Each structure stands twice: as structure tokens, then as C-alpha cells.
N, C-alpha and C. Protein backbone atom coordinates (compact mmCIF):
# COMPACT_ATOMS: atom_id res chain seq x y z
N UNK A 1 14.09 22.23 23.61
CA UNK A 1 14.52 20.85 23.68
C UNK A 1 15.10 20.52 25.21
N UNK A 2 15.09 19.29 26.13
CA UNK A 2 15.00 19.17 27.49
C UNK A 2 17.11 18.65 27.30
N UNK A 3 17.50 19.20 28.68
CA UNK A 3 18.67 17.87 28.03
C UNK A 3 18.52 16.86 29.24
N UNK A 4 18.54 15.41 28.88
CA UNK A 4 18.54 14.28 29.81
C UNK A 4 19.91 13.82 30.58
N UNK A 5 19.94 13.98 32.26
CA UNK A 5 21.44 13.03 32.54
C UNK A 5 21.18 12.31 32.77
N UNK A 6 21.41 10.96 32.71
CA UNK A 6 21.62 9.43 32.95
C UNK A 6 22.52 8.92 34.12
N UNK A 7 21.82 8.68 35.11
CA UNK A 7 22.51 8.41 36.24
C UNK A 7 22.65 6.51 36.74
N UNK A 8 21.83 5.97 35.97
CA UNK A 8 22.10 4.10 36.65
C UNK A 8 21.98 3.71 35.53
N UNK A 9 22.10 1.78 35.47
CA UNK A 9 21.74 0.96 34.28
C UNK A 9 20.69 1.53 33.77
N UNK A 10 19.54 2.03 34.39
CA UNK A 10 18.57 2.04 33.51
C UNK A 10 17.87 3.03 32.82
N UNK A 11 18.47 4.29 33.38
CA UNK A 11 18.71 5.39 32.58
C UNK A 11 19.70 5.50 31.53
N UNK A 12 20.82 4.03 31.52
CA UNK A 12 21.42 4.36 30.38
C UNK A 12 20.98 3.09 29.37
N UNK A 13 20.10 2.31 29.49
CA UNK A 13 19.06 1.33 28.71
C UNK A 13 18.41 2.51 27.63
N UNK A 14 17.48 3.19 29.29
CA UNK A 14 16.22 3.87 28.46
C UNK A 14 17.21 4.40 27.04
N UNK A 15 18.05 5.55 27.55
CA UNK A 15 19.10 6.06 26.32
C UNK A 15 19.10 5.03 25.17
N UNK A 16 19.74 4.07 25.56
CA UNK A 16 19.91 3.58 24.51
C UNK A 16 18.66 2.81 23.20
N UNK A 17 18.16 2.37 24.19
CA UNK A 17 16.40 2.53 24.05
C UNK A 17 16.06 3.83 22.65
N UNK A 18 16.31 5.04 23.07
CA UNK A 18 15.89 5.73 22.78
C UNK A 18 16.40 6.13 21.27
N UNK A 19 17.55 5.73 21.27
CA UNK A 19 18.97 6.09 19.99
C UNK A 19 18.26 5.32 19.25
N UNK A 20 18.45 3.58 19.74
CA UNK A 20 17.91 2.72 18.56
C UNK A 20 16.43 3.06 18.11
N UNK A 21 15.91 3.82 18.90
CA UNK A 21 14.12 3.69 18.32
C UNK A 21 14.25 5.59 17.31
N UNK A 22 15.02 5.95 17.28
CA UNK A 22 15.37 7.64 16.91
C UNK A 22 16.00 6.85 15.04
N UNK A 23 17.06 5.80 15.04
CA UNK A 23 17.03 5.63 13.86
C UNK A 23 17.00 4.05 13.17
N UNK A 24 16.11 3.66 14.11
CA UNK A 24 15.15 2.52 13.32
C UNK A 24 13.81 1.63 13.67
N UNK A 25 13.51 0.93 12.76
CA UNK A 25 12.08 0.69 13.01
C UNK A 25 11.53 -1.14 12.85
N UNK A 26 11.36 -1.90 13.99
CA UNK A 26 11.29 -2.85 13.88
C UNK A 26 9.63 -3.44 13.24
N UNK A 27 9.59 -4.66 12.88
CA UNK A 27 8.03 -5.31 12.67
C UNK A 27 7.18 -4.96 12.98
N UNK A 28 7.39 -4.99 14.27
CA UNK A 28 6.09 -4.39 15.48
C UNK A 28 6.45 -3.04 15.59
N UNK A 29 6.76 -2.78 15.69
CA UNK A 29 6.49 -1.06 14.58
C UNK A 29 5.91 -0.30 13.85
N UNK A 30 6.43 -1.09 12.55
CA UNK A 30 5.49 -1.27 11.25
C UNK A 30 4.59 -1.85 11.49
N UNK A 31 4.31 -2.76 11.63
CA UNK A 31 2.07 -3.01 12.26
C UNK A 31 1.52 -2.14 13.15
N UNK A 32 2.33 -1.61 13.88
CA UNK A 32 1.58 -0.43 14.81
C UNK A 32 1.62 0.35 13.65
N UNK A 33 2.54 0.96 12.76
CA UNK A 33 1.74 2.32 12.01
C UNK A 33 1.21 1.65 10.82
N UNK A 34 0.16 -0.01 10.90
CA UNK A 34 -0.68 -0.35 9.97
C UNK A 34 -0.12 -1.04 8.76
N UNK A 35 1.32 -0.98 8.67
CA UNK A 35 1.77 -2.08 7.81
C UNK A 35 1.63 -3.59 7.56
N UNK A 36 1.33 -4.06 6.64
CA UNK A 36 0.72 -5.89 6.37
C UNK A 36 2.20 -6.25 6.53
N UNK A 37 2.03 -7.69 6.28
CA UNK A 37 3.81 -8.31 5.66
C UNK A 37 3.78 -8.13 4.33
N UNK A 38 2.87 -8.47 3.29
CA UNK A 38 2.96 -8.17 2.55
C UNK A 38 3.45 -6.59 2.06
N UNK A 39 3.04 -5.89 2.00
CA UNK A 39 3.37 -4.23 2.21
C UNK A 39 4.94 -4.01 2.41
N UNK A 40 5.10 -5.06 3.80
CA UNK A 40 6.66 -4.69 3.94
C UNK A 40 7.69 -5.20 3.29
N UNK A 41 7.34 -6.28 3.10
CA UNK A 41 8.02 -7.13 1.96
C UNK A 41 8.01 -6.47 0.47
N UNK A 42 7.26 -5.99 0.02
CA UNK A 42 7.15 -4.73 -1.95
C UNK A 42 7.58 -4.16 -1.26
N UNK A 43 7.68 -3.04 -0.03
CA UNK A 43 8.05 -2.00 -0.52
C UNK A 43 9.35 -1.35 0.42
N UNK A 44 9.11 -2.20 1.50
CA UNK A 44 10.59 -2.21 1.66
C UNK A 44 11.48 -3.64 1.94
N UNK A 45 11.41 -4.47 1.24
CA UNK A 45 12.02 -5.53 1.44
C UNK A 45 12.60 -6.35 3.11
N UNK A 46 14.02 -7.02 2.52
CA UNK A 46 14.93 -7.36 3.66
C UNK A 46 14.96 -6.56 5.01
N UNK A 47 14.76 -6.94 6.45
CA UNK A 47 15.40 -6.22 7.18
C UNK A 47 16.69 -6.11 7.18
N UNK A 48 17.68 -5.08 7.88
CA UNK A 48 19.37 -5.22 8.29
C UNK A 48 19.21 -5.80 9.74
N UNK A 49 20.50 -6.15 10.22
CA UNK A 49 20.73 -6.39 11.36
C UNK A 49 20.56 -4.98 12.28
N UNK A 50 20.26 -4.87 12.80
CA UNK A 50 20.19 -3.27 13.90
C UNK A 50 20.50 -4.11 15.30
N UNK A 51 21.70 -4.13 15.68
CA UNK A 51 21.52 -4.63 17.28
C UNK A 51 21.62 -6.30 16.89
N UNK A 52 20.65 -6.59 17.86
CA UNK A 52 20.06 -8.29 18.39
C UNK A 52 19.85 -8.36 17.28
N UNK A 53 18.00 -7.30 17.16
CA UNK A 53 17.33 -7.48 15.71
C UNK A 53 16.87 -7.15 14.76
N UNK A 54 16.51 -7.58 13.41
CA UNK A 54 16.47 -6.95 12.30
C UNK A 54 15.29 -5.56 12.62
N UNK A 55 15.74 -5.40 12.02
CA UNK A 55 14.74 -3.37 11.61
C UNK A 55 15.32 -2.92 10.17
N UNK A 56 14.43 -2.26 10.44
CA UNK A 56 14.93 -1.33 8.90
C UNK A 56 15.10 0.13 9.25
N UNK A 57 16.02 0.88 8.18
CA UNK A 57 16.19 2.28 9.48
C UNK A 57 14.53 2.75 8.95
N UNK A 58 14.54 3.95 9.74
CA UNK A 58 14.27 4.85 9.53
C UNK A 58 13.74 5.90 8.83
N UNK A 59 14.86 6.40 8.10
CA UNK A 59 14.78 7.26 7.15
C UNK A 59 14.36 6.98 5.92
N UNK A 60 14.57 5.26 5.79
CA UNK A 60 13.81 4.15 4.70
C UNK A 60 12.49 4.10 4.68
N UNK A 61 11.49 3.76 5.71
CA UNK A 61 10.02 3.84 6.25
C UNK A 61 9.78 5.25 5.92
N UNK A 62 10.59 6.42 6.42
CA UNK A 62 9.79 7.65 6.20
C UNK A 62 9.26 7.90 4.47
N UNK A 63 10.99 7.83 3.44
CA UNK A 63 11.00 8.28 2.01
C UNK A 63 10.00 7.09 1.56
N UNK A 64 9.88 5.69 1.49
CA UNK A 64 8.56 4.57 1.30
C UNK A 64 7.51 5.03 1.89
N UNK A 65 7.06 5.48 2.70
CA UNK A 65 5.65 6.26 3.52
C UNK A 65 5.39 7.73 2.66
N UNK A 66 6.66 8.15 2.09
CA UNK A 66 6.06 9.46 1.45
C UNK A 66 5.40 9.50 0.10
N UNK A 67 5.75 8.39 -0.36
CA UNK A 67 5.83 7.67 -2.31
C UNK A 67 4.10 7.86 -2.39
N UNK A 68 4.07 7.89 -3.66
CA UNK A 68 2.29 8.31 -4.09
C UNK A 68 2.07 6.61 -4.50
N UNK A 69 2.51 5.80 -4.89
CA UNK A 69 2.21 4.41 -4.53
C UNK A 69 1.83 4.06 -2.91
N UNK A 70 2.64 4.21 -2.07
CA UNK A 70 2.40 4.00 -0.60
C UNK A 70 0.98 5.03 0.07
N UNK A 71 0.86 5.94 -0.45
CA UNK A 71 -0.65 7.10 0.52
C UNK A 71 -0.98 6.03 -0.42
N UNK A 72 -1.46 5.76 -1.90
CA UNK A 72 -3.07 5.32 -2.13
C UNK A 72 -2.84 3.54 -1.82
N UNK A 73 -1.45 3.16 -1.43
CA UNK A 73 -2.25 1.55 -0.61
C UNK A 73 -2.63 1.65 0.81
N UNK A 74 -2.11 3.10 1.33
CA UNK A 74 -2.17 2.86 2.99
C UNK A 74 -3.79 3.27 3.42
N UNK A 75 -4.90 4.15 1.66
CA UNK A 75 -5.86 4.89 1.67
C UNK A 75 -6.92 3.51 1.40
N UNK A 76 -6.36 2.79 0.80
CA UNK A 76 -7.32 1.11 0.65
C UNK A 76 -6.53 0.77 2.14
N UNK A 77 -5.71 0.75 2.84
CA UNK A 77 -5.57 -0.46 3.96
C UNK A 77 -6.89 0.30 5.10
N UNK A 78 -6.94 1.75 5.62
CA UNK A 78 -7.57 2.15 6.15
C UNK A 78 -9.57 2.42 5.19
N UNK A 79 -9.44 2.22 4.29
CA UNK A 79 -10.80 1.97 4.02
C UNK A 79 -10.84 0.17 4.63
N UNK A 80 -9.75 -0.44 4.19
CA UNK A 80 -9.87 -1.98 4.68
C UNK A 80 -10.54 -1.74 6.08
N UNK A 81 -9.62 -2.26 6.71
CA UNK A 81 -9.73 -1.94 8.99
C UNK A 81 -11.05 -0.90 8.88
N UNK A 82 -11.21 -0.10 9.00
CA UNK A 82 -12.29 1.05 8.66
C UNK A 82 -13.73 -0.44 8.30
N UNK A 83 -13.87 -1.14 7.71
CA UNK A 83 -15.11 -1.51 6.51
C UNK A 83 -14.84 -2.71 7.64
N UNK A 84 -13.76 -3.33 8.31
CA UNK A 84 -14.12 -4.42 8.98
C UNK A 84 -13.97 -4.89 10.34
N UNK A 85 -14.16 -3.20 11.14
CA UNK A 85 -14.56 -2.54 12.02
C UNK A 85 -13.04 -2.66 13.05
N UNK A 86 -11.99 -2.50 12.60
CA UNK A 86 -10.78 -2.00 13.11
C UNK A 86 -10.05 -0.74 13.95
N UNK A 87 -11.03 -0.17 12.40
CA UNK A 87 -10.58 1.24 12.71
C UNK A 87 -12.08 2.26 13.23
N UNK A 88 -12.16 2.90 13.90
CA UNK A 88 -13.63 2.98 13.84
C UNK A 88 -13.55 4.57 12.12
N UNK A 89 -15.02 4.56 12.28
CA UNK A 89 -15.12 4.65 10.28
C UNK A 89 -15.57 6.47 10.75
N UNK A 90 -14.21 7.38 10.20
CA UNK A 90 -14.07 9.12 10.33
C UNK A 90 -15.69 9.72 10.33
N UNK A 91 -15.89 10.72 10.99
CA UNK A 91 -16.88 11.21 10.87
C UNK A 91 -17.22 12.39 9.56
């Protein structure tokens, strides 16, 4: 693991951002992981205050993503995305 040294304000902001993302996932982060609004409300519920925005704790998201119920939902989600041309079909 590399040790990073931060020298200026931009580096400090980068460090703060990295630390935030290590602990939290925003709604846009969940969407990037193929979550839907309905799945977010069904599996995670309401977000928490995480600094200036609302987000979910990364450990809670990972815990939900490892459940059989979520895995079944995700299979259906991928099938839908492939059927509608949003993802390439698996070969």
C-alpha cells in the first residue's frame, strides 16, 4: 500500500473525498451499481446525513448486497437491463 502525502488544499480535499467514499455511498453511487429508486427504498430505507449530503453507510450497503434476496433482485435487474439494451448481452 502506498503512503500518500498531501501538500496543498487540493490534496486535502482529495483525501477527505477518499475518506468519505470509504465510509459512505450516495444515491448516485448506488445508481452506478445498478440500483433503482424502488430497490433503494425497499432494501436500504432512508439515507443518513453524511456531511453536506444524504447517503448510506458502505458497510450497510455491502451487507444488503450479499443477501440472497438482493442477489435474486439483481439477477432480474440485469436481465431487464440486457433485454432493454442498457447492458450488452453476456456471451
